[in-house]
Every structure is written in C-alpha cells, then in structure tokens.
C-alpha cells in the first residue's frame, strides 16, 4: 500500500509540474498544435491546416466577433460565466436541448490541453486548466491562443488557415462581415461553412454584427501596421 501511495502521489505531483510548466511555456511560445488536431488526423485522416499567427496580424474585428458570439463578458470574468452556467443547468433540468455555457477561456483550455467530450473528468480538467491560464496569461494571450487554435472548419484551425482557405486572404485583411461569419460557425465549425453560409448563418452574422457594435472595441492590442 505504501508503494502504491508513493507512486500515486508521485504521479499527481508530476501532473501538476507538467501542467503548470506547459501553461507557463505556452505563455511565451507559439503553440505547436493541439490534441484535437492530432486526434482528427489519426482517427479520420483529416489534414491539419494550421499556422500560428501573432494576434497583431489578425483583424481585431475577429476577436470582437468571437466575443460577441461566444462570450460577451470575456473581458470582465475570471474564466467562468456563472450566470450562463446556471441558465444552462436550469434549461437542461427543464428538458430543453443541451447548450454549452463555456467561456472563451474554457474553450481555449479545452482546445489546447485536452480532448473533446463531456465526461466529468474532462470537465474537471477543463476547469483546472482554465484557472491556470487565467492566472498565468493575460486576456490578450488567451485570445491569441483561441484565435489560432480553435477549429474553424474541417481540418481548419485558426485565423490564418480560415482566412486563406475560405476567403483567399490573410487574417489582417478579413472584413468585418467575414469575421462575423467565421464567428457564426463556432458552435459547430464542421457543420457550418463560413465560405458558403446558410440562411441560418447569415441571420447569425447580422446578430453578431449588431452585438459587435453594442460591445465596441475590446482594446486587447494594437494591430501591426501593414506596409502597402
């Protein structure tokens, strides 16, 4: 029993060291890839279309669009929107269709460090990594990681890939409407295509544009000036 306890405590300590260490390292270096990219590639043979892009080279409207679509309180909360979590819980108890209440911070933690799924283990680890990135990273870094690593189409990850694949441009030259369309796909980016928007997506685009106007600028960063 002592040996088992020693091994267990050692494994737990190693997990904390590796998890905290990886969060600190990823604060400073481009993230090379995510578990989801690898899983999709191995299980489905989906090519990985991904290239890290500094946030200064991404149109600020894309950050604003995902906040307008996914997490209106991104700049105010510490990783969790408890009001939305409670609303989602009550809707589930009432038998309504399940809907997520994850913040951008939670989605970033999940996409970079974990796998897809709704098990209690994964949700617990998601909460743990959310606390870590909110503690060690600032909002700018969280958004930068999100805009680079989030799945934005089948095998398409991040702003640079979706800008090139779906709009034939670079992420700094995306229009405000294109940013809203990309954000409109995020509930299910493999079902919805920002390059070929359905009527539902076009309606979502208009709702997001309206919310973007209401939210105003995020002031996360100053975009890099592009030489003409």
C-alpha atoms as a PDB file:
ATOM      1  CA  UNK A   1       0.000   0.000   0.000  1.00  0.00           C
ATOM      2  CA  UNK A   2       2.837   2.371   0.802  1.00  0.00           C
ATOM      3  CA  UNK A   3       4.360   1.716  -2.608  1.00  0.00           C
ATOM      4  CA  UNK A   4       1.014   2.340  -4.355  1.00  0.00           C
ATOM      5  CA  UNK A   5       0.525   5.542  -2.352  1.00  0.00           C
ATOM      6  CA  UNK A   6       4.026   6.706  -3.197  1.00  0.00           C
ATOM      7  CA  UNK A   7       3.513   6.053  -6.910  1.00  0.00           C
ATOM      8  CA  UNK A   8       0.124   7.794  -6.836  1.00  0.00           C
ATOM      9  CA  UNK A   9       1.471  10.863  -5.063  1.00  0.00           C
ATOM     10  CA  UNK A  10       4.413  10.931  -7.476  1.00  0.00           C
ATOM     11  CA  UNK A  11       2.074  10.792 -10.478  1.00  0.00           C
ATOM     12  CA  UNK A  12      -0.066  13.601  -9.071  1.00  0.00           C
ATOM     13  CA  UNK A  13       2.998  15.748  -8.392  1.00  0.00           C
ATOM     14  CA  UNK A  14       4.313  15.070 -11.901  1.00  0.00           C
ATOM     15  CA  UNK A  15       0.952  16.060 -13.393  1.00  0.00           C
ATOM     16  CA  UNK A  16       0.977  19.386 -11.560  1.00  0.00           C
ATOM     17  CA  UNK A  17       4.568  20.089 -12.586  1.00  0.00           C
ATOM     18  CA  UNK A  18       3.932  19.264 -16.257  1.00  0.00           C
ATOM     19  CA  UNK A  19       0.588  21.075 -16.471  1.00  0.00           C
ATOM     20  CA  UNK A  20       1.780  24.255 -14.802  1.00  0.00           C
ATOM     21  CA  UNK A  21       5.038  24.138 -16.717  1.00  0.00           C
ATOM     22  CA  UNK A  22       3.284  23.748 -20.078  1.00  0.00           C
ATOM     23  CA  UNK A  23       0.950  26.678 -19.329  1.00  0.00           C
ATOM     24  CA  UNK A  24       3.913  28.890 -18.444  1.00  0.00           C
ATOM     25  CA  UNK A  25       5.862  27.835 -21.546  1.00  0.00           C
ATOM     26  CA  UNK A  26       2.856  28.398 -23.823  1.00  0.00           C
ATOM     27  CA  UNK A  27       2.591  31.923 -22.482  1.00  0.00           C
ATOM     28  CA  UNK A  28       5.722  32.793 -24.447  1.00  0.00           C
ATOM     29  CA  UNK A  29       6.000  30.476 -27.458  1.00  0.00           C
ATOM     30  CA  UNK A  30       3.702  29.717 -30.415  1.00  0.00           C
ATOM     31  CA  UNK A  31       1.571  26.669 -29.638  1.00  0.00           C
ATOM     32  CA  UNK A  32       2.771  23.894 -31.982  1.00  0.00           C
ATOM     33  CA  UNK A  33      -0.521  22.002 -32.114  1.00  0.00           C
ATOM     34  CA  UNK A  34      -3.383  20.618 -30.053  1.00  0.00           C
ATOM     35  CA  UNK A  35      -4.719  17.176 -29.073  1.00  0.00           C
ATOM     36  CA  UNK A  36      -7.813  17.735 -31.239  1.00  0.00           C
ATOM     37  CA  UNK A  37      -5.685  18.302 -34.343  1.00  0.00           C
ATOM     38  CA  UNK A  38      -3.832  15.051 -33.690  1.00  0.00           C
ATOM     39  CA  UNK A  39      -6.998  13.078 -32.899  1.00  0.00           C
ATOM     40  CA  UNK A  40      -8.787  14.270 -36.064  1.00  0.00           C
ATOM     41  CA  UNK A  41      -5.712  13.434 -38.135  1.00  0.00           C
ATOM     42  CA  UNK A  42      -5.244   9.938 -36.700  1.00  0.00           C
ATOM     43  CA  UNK A  43      -8.900   8.865 -36.465  1.00  0.00           C
ATOM     44  CA  UNK A  44     -10.232  10.489 -39.632  1.00  0.00           C
ATOM     45  CA  UNK A  45      -7.142  11.183 -41.712  1.00  0.00           C
ATOM     46  CA  UNK A  46      -8.050  14.883 -41.801  1.00  0.00           C
ATOM     47  CA  UNK A  47      -5.071  17.004 -42.899  1.00  0.00           C
ATOM     48  CA  UNK A  48      -4.046  19.679 -40.391  1.00  0.00           C
ATOM     49  CA  UNK A  49      -4.305  23.193 -41.832  1.00  0.00           C
ATOM     50  CA  UNK A  50      -2.712  25.299 -39.109  1.00  0.00           C
ATOM     51  CA  UNK A  51      -0.126  28.044 -38.824  1.00  0.00           C
ATOM     52  CA  UNK A  52       0.441  30.238 -35.781  1.00  0.00           C
ATOM     53  CA  UNK A  53      -0.103  33.958 -36.380  1.00  0.00           C
ATOM     54  CA  UNK A  54       0.649  36.742 -33.860  1.00  0.00           C
ATOM     55  CA  UNK A  55      -2.503  38.480 -32.708  1.00  0.00           C
ATOM     56  CA  UNK A  56      -1.189  41.799 -34.061  1.00  0.00           C
ATOM     57  CA  UNK A  57      -1.520  40.317 -37.567  1.00  0.00           C
ATOM     58  CA  UNK A  58      -5.188  39.396 -37.085  1.00  0.00           C
ATOM     59  CA  UNK A  59      -8.008  41.848 -37.729  1.00  0.00           C
ATOM     60  CA  UNK A  60      -9.264  42.989 -34.273  1.00  0.00           C
ATOM     61  CA  UNK A  61     -12.804  42.526 -35.588  1.00  0.00           C
ATOM     62  CA  UNK A  62     -12.297  38.754 -35.405  1.00  0.00           C
ATOM     63  CA  UNK A  63     -11.595  38.925 -31.671  1.00  0.00           C
ATOM     64  CA  UNK A  64     -14.601  41.192 -31.239  1.00  0.00           C
ATOM     65  CA  UNK A  65     -16.779  38.860 -33.320  1.00  0.00           C
ATOM     66  CA  UNK A  66     -15.983  35.758 -31.261  1.00  0.00           C
ATOM     67  CA  UNK A  67     -16.634  37.694 -28.046  1.00  0.00           C
ATOM     68  CA  UNK A  68     -19.948  38.939 -29.470  1.00  0.00           C
ATOM     69  CA  UNK A  69     -20.866  35.400 -30.477  1.00  0.00           C
ATOM     70  CA  UNK A  70     -19.415  33.219 -27.726  1.00  0.00           C
ATOM     71  CA  UNK A  71     -18.619  35.175 -24.573  1.00  0.00           C
ATOM     72  CA  UNK A  72     -19.852  38.743 -24.102  1.00  0.00           C
ATOM     73  CA  UNK A  73     -18.212  39.043 -20.674  1.00  0.00           C
ATOM     74  CA  UNK A  74     -14.778  37.795 -21.760  1.00  0.00           C
ATOM     75  CA  UNK A  75     -13.013  40.969 -20.655  1.00  0.00           C
ATOM     76  CA  UNK A  76     -14.756  41.009 -17.245  1.00  0.00           C
ATOM     77  CA  UNK A  77     -14.845  37.440 -15.930  1.00  0.00           C
ATOM     78  CA  UNK A  78     -12.032  35.336 -14.461  1.00  0.00           C
ATOM     79  CA  UNK A  79     -12.613  32.344 -16.697  1.00  0.00           C
ATOM     80  CA  UNK A  80     -16.181  31.331 -15.823  1.00  0.00           C
ATOM     81  CA  UNK A  81     -19.557  32.917 -16.513  1.00  0.00           C
ATOM     82  CA  UNK A  82     -21.559  31.525 -13.602  1.00  0.00           C
ATOM     83  CA  UNK A  83     -24.767  33.210 -14.710  1.00  0.00           C
ATOM     84  CA  UNK A  84     -24.719  31.402 -18.053  1.00  0.00           C
ATOM     85  CA  UNK A  85     -23.749  28.141 -16.347  1.00  0.00           C
ATOM     86  CA  UNK A  86     -26.792  28.419 -14.092  1.00  0.00           C
ATOM     87  CA  UNK A  87     -29.078  29.237 -17.025  1.00  0.00           C
ATOM     88  CA  UNK A  88     -27.775  26.218 -18.968  1.00  0.00           C
ATOM     89  CA  UNK A  89     -28.276  23.993 -15.908  1.00  0.00           C
ATOM     90  CA  UNK A  90     -31.889  25.090 -15.461  1.00  0.00           C
ATOM     91  CA  UNK A  91     -32.625  24.604 -19.162  1.00  0.00           C
ATOM     92  CA  UNK A  92     -31.182  21.095 -19.025  1.00  0.00           C
ATOM     93  CA  UNK A  93     -33.299  20.256 -15.961  1.00  0.00           C
ATOM     94  CA  UNK A  94     -36.363  21.537 -17.826  1.00  0.00           C
ATOM     95  CA  UNK A  95     -35.638  19.092 -20.638  1.00  0.00           C
ATOM     96  CA  UNK A  96     -34.527  21.669 -23.157  1.00  0.00           C
ATOM     97  CA  UNK A  97     -31.799  20.986 -25.728  1.00  0.00           C
ATOM     98  CA  UNK A  98     -28.321  20.968 -24.219  1.00  0.00           C
ATOM     99  CA  UNK A  99     -26.342  24.107 -24.868  1.00  0.00           C
ATOM    100  CA  UNK A 100     -22.860  24.944 -23.768  1.00  0.00           C
ATOM    101  CA  UNK A 101     -22.034  27.779 -21.390  1.00  0.00           C
ATOM    102  CA  UNK A 102     -18.281  27.660 -21.833  1.00  0.00           C
ATOM    103  CA  UNK A 103     -16.365  30.911 -21.919  1.00  0.00           C
ATOM    104  CA  UNK A 104     -13.604  31.646 -24.404  1.00  0.00           C
ATOM    105  CA  UNK A 105     -11.131  30.904 -21.604  1.00  0.00           C
ATOM    106  CA  UNK A 106     -12.695  27.476 -21.037  1.00  0.00           C
ATOM    107  CA  UNK A 107     -12.740  26.724 -24.760  1.00  0.00           C
ATOM    108  CA  UNK A 108      -9.090  27.758 -25.022  1.00  0.00           C
ATOM    109  CA  UNK A 109      -8.109  25.495 -22.126  1.00  0.00           C
ATOM    110  CA  UNK A 110     -10.031  22.586 -23.648  1.00  0.00           C
ATOM    111  CA  UNK A 111      -8.696  23.004 -27.162  1.00  0.00           C
ATOM    112  CA  UNK A 112      -5.049  23.437 -26.237  1.00  0.00           C
ATOM    113  CA  UNK A 113      -4.611  20.932 -23.431  1.00  0.00           C
ATOM    114  CA  UNK A 114      -7.457  18.391 -23.595  1.00  0.00           C
ATOM    115  CA  UNK A 115      -9.714  16.282 -25.785  1.00  0.00           C
ATOM    116  CA  UNK A 116     -13.371  16.542 -26.858  1.00  0.00           C
ATOM    117  CA  UNK A 117     -16.087  15.024 -24.696  1.00  0.00           C
ATOM    118  CA  UNK A 118     -18.476  15.709 -21.828  1.00  0.00           C
ATOM    119  CA  UNK A 119     -17.171  13.397 -19.120  1.00  0.00           C
ATOM    120  CA  UNK A 120     -16.790  14.697 -15.581  1.00  0.00           C
ATOM    121  CA  UNK A 121     -13.044  14.037 -15.767  1.00  0.00           C
ATOM    122  CA  UNK A 122     -12.587  16.205 -18.835  1.00  0.00           C
ATOM    123  CA  UNK A 123     -14.806  18.959 -17.454  1.00  0.00           C
ATOM    124  CA  UNK A 124     -12.836  18.920 -14.231  1.00  0.00           C
ATOM    125  CA  UNK A 125      -9.542  19.168 -16.069  1.00  0.00           C
ATOM    126  CA  UNK A 126     -11.007  21.933 -18.245  1.00  0.00           C
ATOM    127  CA  UNK A 127     -11.836  23.940 -15.119  1.00  0.00           C
ATOM    128  CA  UNK A 128      -8.335  23.306 -13.758  1.00  0.00           C
ATOM    129  CA  UNK A 129      -6.581  24.490 -16.934  1.00  0.00           C
ATOM    130  CA  UNK A 130      -8.963  27.455 -17.185  1.00  0.00           C
ATOM    131  CA  UNK A 131      -7.850  28.600 -13.732  1.00  0.00           C
ATOM    132  CA  UNK A 132      -4.212  28.158 -14.763  1.00  0.00           C
ATOM    133  CA  UNK A 133      -4.394  30.184 -17.969  1.00  0.00           C
ATOM    134  CA  UNK A 134      -6.410  32.925 -16.315  1.00  0.00           C
ATOM    135  CA  UNK A 135      -3.738  33.121 -13.598  1.00  0.00           C
ATOM    136  CA  UNK A 136      -0.601  32.909 -15.755  1.00  0.00           C
ATOM    137  CA  UNK A 137      -1.810  34.502 -19.011  1.00  0.00           C
ATOM    138  CA  UNK A 138      -3.462  37.826 -19.707  1.00  0.00           C
ATOM    139  CA  UNK A 139      -6.601  38.251 -21.810  1.00  0.00           C
ATOM    140  CA  UNK A 140      -4.560  39.124 -24.873  1.00  0.00           C
ATOM    141  CA  UNK A 141      -2.679  35.812 -24.743  1.00  0.00           C
ATOM    142  CA  UNK A 142      -5.863  33.834 -24.127  1.00  0.00           C
ATOM    143  CA  UNK A 143      -7.483  35.459 -27.157  1.00  0.00           C
ATOM    144  CA  UNK A 144      -4.354  34.963 -29.260  1.00  0.00           C
ATOM    145  CA  UNK A 145      -4.304  31.249 -28.423  1.00  0.00           C
ATOM    146  CA  UNK A 146      -8.034  30.956 -29.078  1.00  0.00           C
ATOM    147  CA  UNK A 147      -7.912  32.658 -32.480  1.00  0.00           C
ATOM    148  CA  UNK A 148      -5.011  30.449 -33.531  1.00  0.00           C
ATOM    149  CA  UNK A 149      -6.055  27.043 -32.206  1.00  0.00           C
ATOM    150  CA  UNK A 150      -9.860  26.957 -32.385  1.00  0.00           C
ATOM    151  CA  UNK A 151     -11.351  24.677 -35.044  1.00  0.00           C
ATOM    152  CA  UNK A 152     -12.890  26.855 -37.766  1.00  0.00           C
ATOM    153  CA  UNK A 153     -13.748  24.194 -40.324  1.00  0.00           C
ATOM    154  CA  UNK A 154     -12.949  20.604 -41.229  1.00  0.00           C
ATOM    155  CA  UNK A 155      -9.192  20.429 -40.672  1.00  0.00           C
ATOM    156  CA  UNK A 156      -9.017  24.230 -40.498  1.00  0.00           C
ATOM    157  CA  UNK A 157      -7.538  25.663 -37.317  1.00  0.00           C
ATOM    158  CA  UNK A 158      -7.142  29.327 -36.579  1.00  0.00           C
ATOM    159  CA  UNK A 159      -7.442  32.693 -38.252  1.00  0.00           C
ATOM    160  CA  UNK A 160      -4.699  32.293 -40.842  1.00  0.00           C
ATOM    161  CA  UNK A 161      -5.977  28.967 -42.142  1.00  0.00           C
ATOM    162  CA  UNK A 162      -9.632  30.019 -42.371  1.00  0.00           C
ATOM    163  CA  UNK A 163      -8.774  33.355 -43.980  1.00  0.00           C
ATOM    164  CA  UNK A 164      -6.735  31.648 -46.709  1.00  0.00           C
ATOM    165  CA  UNK A 165      -8.976  28.627 -47.260  1.00  0.00           C
ATOM    166  CA  UNK A 166     -12.412  30.253 -47.136  1.00  0.00           C
ATOM    167  CA  UNK A 167     -11.755  33.837 -48.242  1.00  0.00           C
ATOM    168  CA  UNK A 168      -8.455  33.780 -50.140  1.00  0.00           C
ATOM    169  CA  UNK A 169      -6.913  36.446 -47.949  1.00  0.00           C
ATOM    170  CA  UNK A 170      -4.762  36.980 -44.871  1.00  0.00           C
ATOM    171  CA  UNK A 171      -6.172  37.348 -41.324  1.00  0.00           C
ATOM    172  CA  UNK A 172      -5.328  41.057 -41.142  1.00  0.00           C
ATOM    173  CA  UNK A 173      -7.388  41.727 -44.289  1.00  0.00           C
ATOM    174  CA  UNK A 174     -10.554  39.901 -43.234  1.00  0.00           C
ATOM    175  CA  UNK A 175     -13.581  42.165 -43.482  1.00  0.00           C
ATOM    176  CA  UNK A 176     -15.908  42.815 -40.546  1.00  0.00           C
ATOM    177  CA  UNK A 177     -18.610  40.703 -42.198  1.00  0.00           C
ATOM    178  CA  UNK A 178     -16.196  37.830 -42.808  1.00  0.00           C
ATOM    179  CA  UNK A 179     -15.162  37.949 -39.148  1.00  0.00           C
ATOM    180  CA  UNK A 180     -18.814  37.716 -38.125  1.00  0.00           C
ATOM    181  CA  UNK A 181     -19.381  34.767 -40.470  1.00  0.00           C
ATOM    182  CA  UNK A 182     -16.393  32.923 -39.013  1.00  0.00           C
ATOM    183  CA  UNK A 183     -17.723  33.516 -35.506  1.00  0.00           C
ATOM    184  CA  UNK A 184     -21.137  32.242 -36.608  1.00  0.00           C
ATOM    185  CA  UNK A 185     -19.644  28.809 -37.393  1.00  0.00           C
ATOM    186  CA  UNK A 186     -18.104  28.243 -33.974  1.00  0.00           C
ATOM    187  CA  UNK A 187     -20.931  26.265 -32.339  1.00  0.00           C
ATOM    188  CA  UNK A 188     -20.283  23.597 -34.980  1.00  0.00           C
ATOM    189  CA  UNK A 189     -17.472  24.547 -37.407  1.00  0.00           C
ATOM    190  CA  UNK A 190     -17.604  21.218 -39.242  1.00  0.00           C
ATOM    191  CA  UNK A 191     -21.307  21.626 -39.971  1.00  0.00           C
ATOM    192  CA  UNK A 192     -21.326  25.325 -40.837  1.00  0.00           C
ATOM    193  CA  UNK A 193     -19.074  26.774 -43.543  1.00  0.00           C
ATOM    194  CA  UNK A 194     -18.168  30.468 -43.425  1.00  0.00           C
ATOM    195  CA  UNK A 195     -17.351  30.364 -47.148  1.00  0.00           C
ATOM    196  CA  UNK A 196     -20.822  29.035 -48.011  1.00  0.00           C
ATOM    197  CA  UNK A 197     -23.160  30.477 -45.377  1.00  0.00           C
ATOM    198  CA  UNK A 198     -26.667  29.109 -44.989  1.00  0.00           C
ATOM    199  CA  UNK A 199     -29.693  31.297 -44.244  1.00  0.00           C
ATOM    200  CA  UNK A 200     -29.255  30.482 -40.567  1.00  0.00           C
ATOM    201  CA  UNK A 201     -25.634  31.607 -40.678  1.00  0.00           C
ATOM    202  CA  UNK A 202     -26.489  34.836 -42.481  1.00  0.00           C
ATOM    203  CA  UNK A 203     -29.003  35.609 -39.736  1.00  0.00           C
ATOM    204  CA  UNK A 204     -26.373  34.783 -37.097  1.00  0.00           C
ATOM    205  CA  UNK A 205     -23.933  37.053 -38.928  1.00  0.00           C
ATOM    206  CA  UNK A 206     -26.317  40.000 -38.618  1.00  0.00           C
ATOM    207  CA  UNK A 207     -26.960  39.271 -34.936  1.00  0.00           C
ATOM    208  CA  UNK A 208     -23.220  39.119 -34.277  1.00  0.00           C
ATOM    209  CA  UNK A 209     -22.563  42.341 -36.194  1.00  0.00           C
ATOM    210  CA  UNK A 210     -25.216  44.075 -34.124  1.00  0.00           C
ATOM    211  CA  UNK A 211     -23.712  42.776 -30.900  1.00  0.00           C
ATOM    212  CA  UNK A 212     -20.225  43.804 -32.049  1.00  0.00           C
ATOM    213  CA  UNK A 213     -21.493  47.349 -32.466  1.00  0.00           C
ATOM    214  CA  UNK A 214     -23.013  47.281 -28.989  1.00  0.00           C
ATOM    215  CA  UNK A 215     -19.852  45.916 -27.391  1.00  0.00           C
ATOM    216  CA  UNK A 216     -17.445  48.373 -29.016  1.00  0.00           C
ATOM    217  CA  UNK A 217     -13.669  47.882 -29.190  1.00  0.00           C
ATOM    218  CA  UNK A 218     -12.007  45.332 -26.904  1.00  0.00           C
ATOM    219  CA  UNK A 219      -8.709  47.231 -26.686  1.00  0.00           C
ATOM    220  CA  UNK A 220      -6.764  43.996 -26.368  1.00  0.00           C
ATOM    221  CA  UNK A 221      -3.885  45.135 -28.556  1.00  0.00           C
ATOM    222  CA  UNK A 222      -2.754  47.477 -31.274  1.00  0.00           C
ATOM    223  CA  UNK A 223      -2.710  45.744 -34.676  1.00  0.00           C
ATOM    224  CA  UNK A 224       0.555  45.782 -36.570  1.00  0.00           C
ATOM    225  CA  UNK A 225       0.614  48.341 -39.402  1.00  0.00           C
ATOM    226  CA  UNK A 226       0.817  46.616 -42.761  1.00  0.00           C
ATOM    227  CA  UNK A 227       3.156  48.199 -45.297  1.00  0.00           C
ATOM    228  CA  UNK A 228       1.462  48.998 -48.570  1.00  0.00           C
END
